[in-house]
N, C-alpha and C. Protein backbone atom coordinates (compact mmCIF):
# COMPACT_ATOMS: atom_id res chain seq x y z
N UNK A 1 119.56 86.81 88.25
CA UNK A 1 118.09 86.54 87.84
C UNK A 1 118.01 85.45 86.80
N UNK A 2 117.59 84.37 86.97
CA UNK A 2 117.58 83.19 86.01
C UNK A 2 116.88 83.83 84.81
N UNK A 3 117.18 83.24 83.32
CA UNK A 3 116.45 83.45 82.13
C UNK A 3 115.33 82.51 82.15
N UNK A 4 115.36 81.39 82.79
CA UNK A 4 113.99 80.63 82.85
C UNK A 4 114.14 80.18 84.55
N UNK A 5 112.83 80.44 85.02
CA UNK A 5 112.66 79.95 86.53
C UNK A 5 111.50 79.41 86.73
N UNK A 6 111.39 77.92 86.57
CA UNK A 6 110.06 77.20 86.82
C UNK A 6 110.15 76.57 88.04
N UNK A 7 108.82 76.97 88.63
CA UNK A 7 108.30 76.48 89.98
C UNK A 7 107.01 76.03 90.28
N UNK A 8 107.29 74.74 90.63
CA UNK A 8 106.14 73.80 91.10
C UNK A 8 105.11 73.39 89.82
N UNK A 9 106.08 73.64 88.64
CA UNK A 9 104.98 73.20 87.34
C UNK A 9 104.18 71.88 87.66
N UNK A 10 103.08 72.13 87.24
CA UNK A 10 102.08 70.48 87.62
C UNK A 10 101.48 70.67 86.47
N UNK A 11 101.16 69.20 85.78
CA UNK A 11 100.21 69.26 84.41
C UNK A 11 99.48 68.15 84.85
N UNK A 12 98.21 68.12 84.59
CA UNK A 12 97.39 67.17 84.71
C UNK A 12 96.56 66.97 83.51
N UNK A 13 96.00 65.70 82.75
CA UNK A 13 95.37 65.61 81.71
C UNK A 13 93.81 64.92 82.19
N UNK A 14 93.05 65.24 81.21
CA UNK A 14 91.62 64.58 81.77
C UNK A 14 91.43 63.08 81.15
N UNK A 15 91.20 62.32 81.93
CA UNK A 15 91.11 61.05 81.23
C UNK A 15 89.69 60.23 81.68
N UNK A 16 89.28 59.31 81.18
CA UNK A 16 87.98 58.69 81.27
C UNK A 16 88.25 58.33 82.94
N UNK A 17 89.20 57.75 83.47
CA UNK A 17 89.36 57.24 84.69
C UNK A 17 89.38 58.28 85.72
N UNK A 18 89.55 59.43 85.13
CA UNK A 18 89.85 60.86 86.11
C UNK A 18 90.99 61.50 85.80
N UNK A 19 91.38 62.65 86.64
CA UNK A 19 92.53 63.16 86.34
C UNK A 19 93.86 62.50 86.63
N UNK A 20 94.71 62.65 85.84
CA UNK A 20 96.19 61.93 85.49
C UNK A 20 97.17 62.99 85.56
N UNK A 21 97.80 63.05 86.82
CA UNK A 21 99.07 63.79 86.70
C UNK A 21 100.28 63.27 86.05
N UNK A 22 100.81 64.26 84.88
CA UNK A 22 101.68 63.66 84.35
C UNK A 22 103.09 64.55 84.67
N UNK A 23 103.01 65.84 85.25
CA UNK A 23 103.99 66.21 85.86
C UNK A 23 103.72 66.95 87.09
N UNK A 24 104.62 66.79 88.19
CA UNK A 24 104.04 66.89 89.64
C UNK A 24 105.26 67.83 90.26
N UNK A 25 104.65 69.17 90.39
CA UNK A 25 105.68 70.16 90.84
C UNK A 25 107.12 70.03 90.58
N UNK A 26 107.73 70.03 89.42
CA UNK A 26 108.65 70.20 88.90
C UNK A 26 109.20 71.77 89.05
N UNK A 27 110.75 71.88 89.51
CA UNK A 27 111.12 73.08 89.75
C UNK A 27 112.45 72.97 89.13
N UNK A 28 112.85 74.16 88.37
CA UNK A 28 114.44 74.02 87.92
C UNK A 28 114.41 75.55 87.53
N UNK A 29 115.87 75.95 87.20
CA UNK A 29 115.91 77.32 86.56
C UNK A 29 117.24 77.13 85.78
N UNK A 30 117.43 78.27 84.74
CA UNK A 30 118.60 77.88 83.71
C UNK A 30 118.96 79.65 83.85
N UNK A 31 120.19 79.97 83.90
CA UNK A 31 120.73 81.14 83.91
C UNK A 31 121.13 81.51 82.37
N UNK A 32 121.00 82.75 82.02
CA UNK A 32 121.59 83.10 80.86
C UNK A 32 123.01 82.31 80.30
N UNK A 33 123.12 82.12 79.20
CA UNK A 33 124.63 81.23 78.81
C UNK A 33 124.44 79.84 79.43
N UNK A 34 123.66 79.45 80.03
CA UNK A 34 123.86 78.26 80.78
C UNK A 34 122.96 77.37 79.94
N UNK A 35 123.50 75.91 79.84
CA UNK A 35 122.89 74.68 78.92
C UNK A 35 122.39 73.61 80.16
N UNK A 36 121.16 73.39 80.03
CA UNK A 36 120.46 72.28 81.03
C UNK A 36 119.76 71.38 79.91
N UNK A 37 120.03 70.25 80.63
CA UNK A 37 119.13 69.16 80.01
C UNK A 37 118.37 68.38 80.80
N UNK A 38 117.19 67.91 80.30
CA UNK A 38 116.33 67.48 81.41
C UNK A 38 116.44 65.91 80.83
N UNK A 39 116.47 65.22 82.04
CA UNK A 39 117.19 63.81 81.86
C UNK A 39 115.97 62.83 82.65
N UNK A 40 115.54 61.97 82.12
CA UNK A 40 114.44 61.05 82.75
C UNK A 40 113.98 59.63 81.90
N UNK A 41 113.44 58.80 82.34
CA UNK A 41 113.04 57.63 82.15
C UNK A 41 111.67 58.24 80.97
N UNK A 42 111.41 57.32 80.03
CA UNK A 42 110.32 57.75 79.11
C UNK A 42 109.23 57.49 79.69
N UNK A 43 108.41 58.48 79.47
CA UNK A 43 107.27 58.62 80.31
C UNK A 43 107.26 59.60 81.69
N UNK A 44 108.26 59.99 81.87
CA UNK A 44 108.69 60.69 83.10
C UNK A 44 108.14 62.10 83.10
N UNK A 45 107.74 62.77 81.81
CA UNK A 45 107.24 64.00 81.82
C UNK A 45 108.21 64.98 81.57
N UNK A 46 109.03 64.89 80.83
CA UNK A 46 110.08 65.61 80.15
C UNK A 46 109.61 66.31 79.15
N UNK A 47 108.78 65.93 78.03
CA UNK A 47 108.33 66.46 77.05
C UNK A 47 107.05 67.15 77.54
N UNK A 48 106.20 66.72 78.28
CA UNK A 48 105.25 67.50 78.81
C UNK A 48 105.37 68.72 79.46
N UNK A 49 106.31 68.54 80.08
CA UNK A 49 106.85 69.83 80.92
C UNK A 49 106.97 70.95 80.02
N UNK A 50 108.04 70.70 78.76
CA UNK A 50 108.13 71.83 77.80
C UNK A 50 107.26 72.08 77.13
N UNK A 51 106.43 71.05 76.92
CA UNK A 51 105.24 71.63 75.77
C UNK A 51 104.37 72.38 76.48
N UNK A 52 103.81 71.91 77.88
CA UNK A 52 103.18 72.71 78.82
C UNK A 52 103.55 74.58 78.64
N UNK A 53 104.79 74.53 79.14
CA UNK A 53 105.23 76.01 79.25
C UNK A 53 105.17 76.76 78.20
N UNK A 54 105.23 75.92 76.61
CA UNK A 54 105.28 76.60 75.72
C UNK A 54 103.82 76.71 74.96
N UNK A 55 103.15 76.18 75.41
CA UNK A 55 101.37 76.19 75.08
C UNK A 55 101.35 75.17 73.80
N UNK A 56 102.02 74.06 74.14
CA UNK A 56 102.12 73.12 72.81
C UNK A 56 101.48 71.74 72.86
N UNK A 57 100.54 71.57 73.99
CA UNK A 57 99.52 70.73 74.14
C UNK A 57 98.20 70.87 73.93
N UNK A 58 97.52 70.15 73.10
CA UNK A 58 96.04 70.32 72.74
C UNK A 58 95.22 70.78 73.85
N UNK A 59 94.54 71.78 73.97
CA UNK A 59 93.69 72.46 75.03
C UNK A 59 92.84 71.36 75.58
N UNK A 60 92.10 70.15 74.68
CA UNK A 60 91.36 69.43 74.91
C UNK A 60 92.03 68.38 76.07
N UNK A 61 93.29 67.94 75.97
CA UNK A 61 93.81 67.35 76.55
C UNK A 61 94.03 67.66 78.15
N UNK A 62 94.51 69.10 78.15
CA UNK A 62 95.05 69.48 79.75
C UNK A 62 93.55 69.63 80.38
N UNK A 63 93.91 69.05 81.66
CA UNK A 63 92.70 69.50 82.33
C UNK A 63 93.37 70.78 83.40
N UNK A 64 94.42 70.90 83.71
CA UNK A 64 95.05 71.70 84.64
C UNK A 64 96.61 71.98 84.20
N UNK A 65 97.07 72.96 84.11
CA UNK A 65 98.56 73.49 84.14
C UNK A 65 98.72 74.59 85.19
N UNK A 66 99.46 74.12 86.13
CA UNK A 66 99.80 74.98 87.23
C UNK A 66 100.90 75.37 87.61
N UNK A 67 101.49 76.44 88.66
CA UNK A 67 102.78 76.70 88.76
C UNK A 67 103.34 77.73 87.94
N UNK A 68 104.52 78.20 88.07
CA UNK A 68 105.16 79.41 87.29
C UNK A 68 106.32 79.00 86.43
N UNK A 69 106.24 79.27 85.12
CA UNK A 69 107.40 79.09 84.38
C UNK A 69 108.00 80.58 83.61
N UNK A 70 108.84 81.27 84.36
CA UNK A 70 109.05 82.44 84.13
C UNK A 70 110.22 82.75 83.03
N UNK A 71 109.93 83.40 82.35
CA UNK A 71 111.29 83.28 81.21
C UNK A 71 111.39 85.04 80.90
N UNK A 72 112.67 85.15 81.42
CA UNK A 72 113.12 86.76 81.34
C UNK A 72 111.78 87.55 81.73
N UNK A 73 111.43 87.31 82.72
CA UNK A 73 110.19 88.14 83.66
C UNK A 73 108.84 88.06 83.03
N UNK A 74 108.48 86.99 82.15
CA UNK A 74 107.11 86.83 81.69
C UNK A 74 106.53 85.42 82.13
N UNK A 75 105.83 85.19 82.72
CA UNK A 75 105.03 83.80 83.03
C UNK A 75 104.61 83.59 82.02
N UNK A 76 105.12 82.43 81.23
CA UNK A 76 104.75 81.59 80.07
C UNK A 76 103.45 81.05 80.02
N UNK A 77 103.09 80.48 81.53
CA UNK A 77 101.95 79.96 81.83
C UNK A 77 100.72 80.64 81.60
N UNK A 78 100.82 82.06 81.90
CA UNK A 78 99.93 83.10 82.19
C UNK A 78 99.95 83.80 80.86
N UNK A 79 100.72 83.90 79.85
CA UNK A 79 100.77 84.97 78.67
C UNK A 79 99.54 84.33 78.20
N UNK A 80 99.11 85.55 77.22
CA UNK A 80 98.31 85.51 76.12
C UNK A 80 98.69 84.40 74.88
N UNK A 81 97.99 83.83 74.17
CA UNK A 81 98.71 83.13 72.94
C UNK A 81 99.32 83.98 72.20
N UNK A 82 98.83 85.28 71.94
CA UNK A 82 99.68 86.29 70.91
C UNK A 82 100.77 86.43 71.47
N UNK A 83 101.02 86.86 72.70
CA UNK A 83 102.22 87.45 73.21
C UNK A 83 103.27 85.99 73.25
N UNK A 84 102.91 84.81 73.55
CA UNK A 84 103.63 83.43 73.47
C UNK A 84 104.39 83.59 71.90
N UNK A 85 103.36 83.58 71.02
CA UNK A 85 103.50 83.42 69.58
C UNK A 85 104.54 84.43 69.25
N UNK A 86 104.73 85.69 69.90
CA UNK A 86 105.79 86.38 69.48
C UNK A 86 106.93 86.00 70.06
N UNK A 87 107.08 85.37 71.19
CA UNK A 87 108.30 84.72 71.64
C UNK A 87 108.74 83.80 70.86
N UNK A 88 107.75 82.49 70.51
CA UNK A 88 108.26 81.47 70.03
C UNK A 88 109.11 81.84 68.39
N UNK A 89 110.27 81.16 68.48
CA UNK A 89 111.05 80.87 67.21
C UNK A 89 112.07 82.49 67.26
N UNK A 90 111.79 83.34 68.14
CA UNK A 90 112.32 84.43 68.15
C UNK A 90 113.50 84.44 69.29
N UNK A 91 112.56 83.96 70.63
CA UNK A 91 113.48 83.85 71.73
C UNK A 91 113.47 82.72 72.59
N UNK A 92 112.67 81.80 72.20
CA UNK A 92 112.13 80.64 73.02
C UNK A 92 111.78 79.71 71.97
N UNK A 93 112.38 78.13 71.89
CA UNK A 93 111.72 77.21 71.30
C UNK A 93 111.93 75.99 71.66
N UNK A 94 111.57 74.91 71.04
CA UNK A 94 111.93 73.46 71.66
C UNK A 94 112.56 72.68 70.45
N UNK A 95 113.34 71.87 70.85
CA UNK A 95 113.94 71.08 69.79
C UNK A 95 113.64 69.55 70.03
N UNK A 96 112.83 69.11 69.31
CA UNK A 96 112.05 67.66 69.52
C UNK A 96 112.99 66.73 69.33
N UNK A 97 113.08 65.65 70.47
CA UNK A 97 114.05 64.54 70.27
C UNK A 97 113.95 63.63 68.85
N UNK A 98 112.94 63.69 68.29
CA UNK A 98 112.72 62.88 67.21
C UNK A 98 112.45 63.77 66.05
N UNK A 99 113.35 64.58 65.30
CA UNK A 99 113.04 65.57 64.35
C UNK A 99 112.16 65.29 63.24
N UNK A 100 112.39 63.69 62.94
CA UNK A 100 111.47 63.14 61.54
C UNK A 100 109.98 63.01 61.82
N UNK A 101 109.73 62.81 63.21
CA UNK A 101 108.17 63.16 63.55
C UNK A 101 107.63 64.47 63.46
N UNK A 102 108.44 65.61 63.40
CA UNK A 102 107.85 66.85 63.57
C UNK A 102 108.24 67.78 62.24
N UNK A 103 108.13 66.95 61.27
CA UNK A 103 108.44 67.49 60.03
C UNK A 103 107.29 67.38 59.25
N UNK A 104 106.89 68.46 58.56
CA UNK A 104 105.46 68.02 57.91
C UNK A 104 106.07 67.58 56.35
N UNK A 105 105.43 66.24 56.06
CA UNK A 105 105.68 65.58 55.15
C UNK A 105 105.29 66.24 53.78
N UNK A 106 104.42 67.30 53.83
CA UNK A 106 103.82 67.88 52.63
C UNK A 106 104.54 69.23 52.05
N UNK A 107 105.10 69.44 53.43
CA UNK A 107 105.99 70.59 52.90
C UNK A 107 107.38 70.29 52.59
N UNK A 108 108.17 71.21 51.73
CA UNK A 108 109.51 70.80 51.55
C UNK A 108 110.40 71.58 52.92
N UNK A 109 111.53 70.95 52.96
CA UNK A 109 112.40 71.34 53.62
C UNK A 109 112.52 72.79 53.86
N UNK A 110 112.92 73.40 52.65
CA UNK A 110 112.98 74.81 52.43
C UNK A 110 112.04 75.81 53.00
N UNK A 111 110.76 75.44 52.77
CA UNK A 111 109.91 75.97 53.09
C UNK A 111 109.46 75.94 54.84
N UNK A 112 109.75 74.55 55.49
CA UNK A 112 109.75 74.58 56.60
C UNK A 112 110.72 75.40 57.50
N UNK A 113 111.88 75.50 56.96
CA UNK A 113 112.93 76.02 57.40
C UNK A 113 112.47 77.79 57.34
N UNK A 114 111.94 78.23 56.20
CA UNK A 114 111.78 79.37 55.61
C UNK A 114 110.68 80.13 56.73
N UNK A 115 109.68 79.17 56.71
CA UNK A 115 108.03 79.84 57.51
C UNK A 115 108.56 80.52 58.72
N UNK A 116 109.79 80.20 59.53
CA UNK A 116 109.42 81.19 61.06
C UNK A 116 110.43 82.35 60.28
N UNK A 117 111.07 82.34 59.59
CA UNK A 117 112.18 83.33 59.09
C UNK A 117 111.24 84.39 58.78
N UNK A 118 110.00 84.16 57.77
CA UNK A 118 109.18 85.04 57.20
C UNK A 118 107.90 85.38 58.17
N UNK A 119 107.68 84.36 59.05
CA UNK A 119 106.94 84.88 60.17
C UNK A 119 107.29 85.75 61.46
N UNK A 120 108.42 85.46 61.89
CA UNK A 120 109.19 85.98 63.09
C UNK A 120 110.20 87.17 62.66
N UNK A 121 110.68 86.81 61.32
CA UNK A 121 111.70 88.24 60.97
C UNK A 121 111.05 88.88 59.98
N UNK A 122 109.85 88.57 59.51
CA UNK A 122 109.55 89.56 58.40
C UNK A 122 110.21 89.33 57.09
N UNK A 123 110.63 88.47 56.91
CA UNK A 123 111.86 88.24 55.71
C UNK A 123 110.67 88.07 54.54
N UNK A 124 111.19 88.41 53.19
CA UNK A 124 110.45 88.02 52.00
C UNK A 124 110.68 86.64 51.56
N UNK A 125 109.71 86.13 50.89
CA UNK A 125 109.70 84.96 50.37
C UNK A 125 111.09 84.30 49.57
N UNK A 126 111.64 85.23 48.72
CA UNK A 126 112.75 84.94 48.02
C UNK A 126 114.29 85.14 49.28
N UNK A 127 114.16 86.29 49.96
CA UNK A 127 115.13 86.30 50.88
C UNK A 127 115.21 85.31 52.02
N UNK A 128 113.92 84.61 52.43
CA UNK A 128 113.69 83.63 53.26
C UNK A 128 114.39 82.17 52.77
N UNK A 129 114.10 82.00 51.41
CA UNK A 129 114.73 80.64 50.68
C UNK A 129 116.11 80.98 50.58
N UNK A 130 116.76 82.15 50.61
CA UNK A 130 118.18 82.26 50.25
C UNK A 130 118.92 81.87 51.69
N UNK A 131 118.09 82.46 52.84
CA UNK A 131 118.60 81.94 54.30
C UNK A 131 118.48 80.38 54.38
N UNK A 132 117.57 80.01 54.18
CA UNK A 132 117.01 78.74 54.40
C UNK A 132 118.32 77.79 53.61
N UNK A 133 118.55 78.16 52.42
CA UNK A 133 119.61 77.57 51.92
C UNK A 133 121.10 77.72 52.58
N UNK A 134 121.26 78.88 53.22
CA UNK A 134 122.37 79.37 53.74
C UNK A 134 122.63 78.47 55.32
N UNK A 135 121.44 78.39 55.83
CA UNK A 135 121.23 77.43 57.33
C UNK A 135 121.23 75.96 56.97
N UNK A 136 120.90 75.57 55.89
CA UNK A 136 121.06 74.19 55.24
C UNK A 136 122.63 74.09 55.35
N UNK A 137 123.33 74.83 54.62
CA UNK A 137 124.68 74.48 54.36
C UNK A 137 125.43 74.81 55.62
N UNK A 138 125.20 75.67 56.73
CA UNK A 138 125.46 75.81 57.93
C UNK A 138 125.56 74.34 58.74
N UNK A 139 124.63 73.60 58.72
CA UNK A 139 124.36 72.70 59.24
C UNK A 139 125.03 71.34 58.61
N UNK A 140 125.57 71.19 57.50
CA UNK A 140 126.30 70.33 56.73
C UNK A 140 125.33 69.44 55.60
N UNK A 141 124.11 70.23 55.43
CA UNK A 141 123.55 69.42 54.59
C UNK A 141 124.17 69.40 52.98
N UNK A 142 124.31 68.09 52.40
CA UNK A 142 125.01 68.31 51.14
C UNK A 142 123.80 69.10 50.04
N UNK A 143 124.63 69.74 48.99
CA UNK A 143 123.84 70.43 48.04
C UNK A 143 122.77 71.11 48.52
N UNK A 144 122.81 72.08 49.06
CA UNK A 144 121.71 72.71 49.73
C UNK A 144 120.66 73.47 48.90
N UNK A 145 121.20 73.74 47.82
CA UNK A 145 120.42 74.60 46.89
C UNK A 145 119.27 73.39 46.25
N UNK A 146 119.88 72.25 46.02
CA UNK A 146 118.95 71.13 45.75
C UNK A 146 118.06 70.74 46.68
N UNK A 147 118.76 70.34 48.14
CA UNK A 147 118.16 70.03 49.23
C UNK A 147 117.12 70.78 49.79
N UNK A 148 116.70 72.33 49.34
CA UNK A 148 115.95 73.16 49.88
C UNK A 148 114.45 72.96 49.27
N UNK A 149 114.24 71.98 48.27
CA UNK A 149 113.42 71.89 47.35
C UNK A 149 112.97 70.38 47.64
N UNK A 150 113.61 69.78 48.58
CA UNK A 150 113.27 68.14 48.99
C UNK A 150 112.10 68.04 50.25
N UNK A 151 111.70 67.03 50.03
CA UNK A 151 110.61 66.75 51.07
C UNK A 151 111.41 65.79 51.94
N UNK A 152 110.84 65.77 53.57
CA UNK A 152 111.44 65.33 54.66
C UNK A 152 111.67 63.58 54.04
N UNK A 153 110.74 62.91 53.49
CA UNK A 153 111.11 61.66 52.90
C UNK A 153 112.44 61.36 52.45
N UNK A 154 112.70 62.67 51.55
CA UNK A 154 114.05 62.37 50.85
C UNK A 154 115.10 62.56 51.40
N UNK A 155 115.33 62.80 52.67
CA UNK A 155 116.27 63.06 53.53
C UNK A 155 116.51 62.02 54.35
N UNK A 156 118.01 61.72 54.61
CA UNK A 156 118.09 60.42 55.70
C UNK A 156 117.87 61.00 56.94
N UNK A 157 117.81 59.69 57.79
CA UNK A 157 117.75 60.08 59.22
C UNK A 157 118.73 61.10 59.75
N UNK A 158 119.81 60.87 59.36
CA UNK A 158 121.01 62.01 59.85
C UNK A 158 121.04 63.30 59.29
N UNK A 159 120.26 63.52 57.68
CA UNK A 159 120.25 64.87 57.40
C UNK A 159 118.72 65.53 58.29
N UNK A 160 117.94 64.72 58.78
CA UNK A 160 116.80 65.23 59.32
C UNK A 160 117.21 65.76 60.67
N UNK A 161 117.80 65.26 61.07
CA UNK A 161 118.57 65.71 62.60
C UNK A 161 119.56 66.44 62.26
N UNK A 162 120.50 66.88 61.35
CA UNK A 162 121.53 67.63 60.95
C UNK A 162 121.63 68.98 62.49
N UNK A 163 122.67 68.95 62.84
CA UNK A 163 122.87 70.29 63.77
C UNK A 163 124.00 71.13 63.36
């Protein structure tokens, strides 16, 4: 059984000119331990597909999202927001193509790294900060004890996308 099985995913946006189909019957599956990449031209629907599955598109934009996106037995498109929120960060997430456009410029890097640890793993603030420093060290950020208090604009482009 696939870990993620997407069948006939279709996403339409409401526009002044009428419905705009951004994703048209996309299907794919990913088995446990498998790595898959979505490849296509700019504007072909890769990001919209992933955002729709994770409910990361603004509700006012979507006219309709249909099909199935079954992750470990649960249809993501049919899940209540609270149940999906429990999956985010623990079991499923999205790595954005341009990380610098997804970092909050008003929050320190450490706070942005620590936030999911606090929310999803129930860590205390101090423990999450210590873990954030360790995670920054693991991805090769120089001087992680200092970097944890930096803001995104203080990181180089390479540091913002460190893996």
